[in-house]
Amino acid sequence: MAILIDIPPLSADEAHALLATSSEHTTTGLRNRALVVLLWRVGLRPGEALTVRAADVDGETGVITLSSRRAGIDRLAARVIAAWAHRRTELGLNSDGPFISTLAGNPLSQAYVRELLPRLAERAGLTVRVHAMGLRYACAAEMGQEGLLTEVIQAQLGVEPQSAIGRYLPRADLAEMVRAMQARPIPA
């Protein structure tokens, strides 16, 4: 059974406005921007975004290794992630710790994210409800609008086909997924 979402996800413009509300210069701004792109442009689940280790984010290959899968990083996300990775290094944070962390290297709580995203949305002047899964839904919707193959979207998001014949459908390999993600257009 398919899950129907009756409220459309954020548009690319709305998500980009959300990203723009966090500073490109302050430490917390860089971290919050990285969190937003992990949810919106990479399509990670909130729990994945908060538990991925810094050592599992490979900006060179454009791949994030998660416990159950790998996800590609597009060019916009790569720039934002690289800025936060650089700041993490300056702070002397452990690469075995969570990539999205407090300034002391500790994990962020889901409660922090639940409070952060509506605050950023208000700052961006958005009137739609903004939450972590909504950013993931926006990622899926944008990839579909961009014409990416269903199997690439499923592989990127780590979801299995919903039908019994899913085992017979084509699957995207990692190289194909990374190429598709890196070819995604960057919102203006």
Foldseek 3Di string as FASTA:
>chain_A
DDDDDPDAFDALVLLVLLLVLADLPDLVSLLVNLLSCCLAQLLEANVQLQFQFLLQCDLVLQWGDTPVAITGHAPVSSVSLVSNNVVCVVLVADRRARSRPDSNRHTDDQVCQQVPSVVSSVSSVHPDDDHRNSSSSNNLVLLVVVPHDPQLSCRSNVHFDPDPCRVVDDHDDPVRNNVSSHPRDRDD
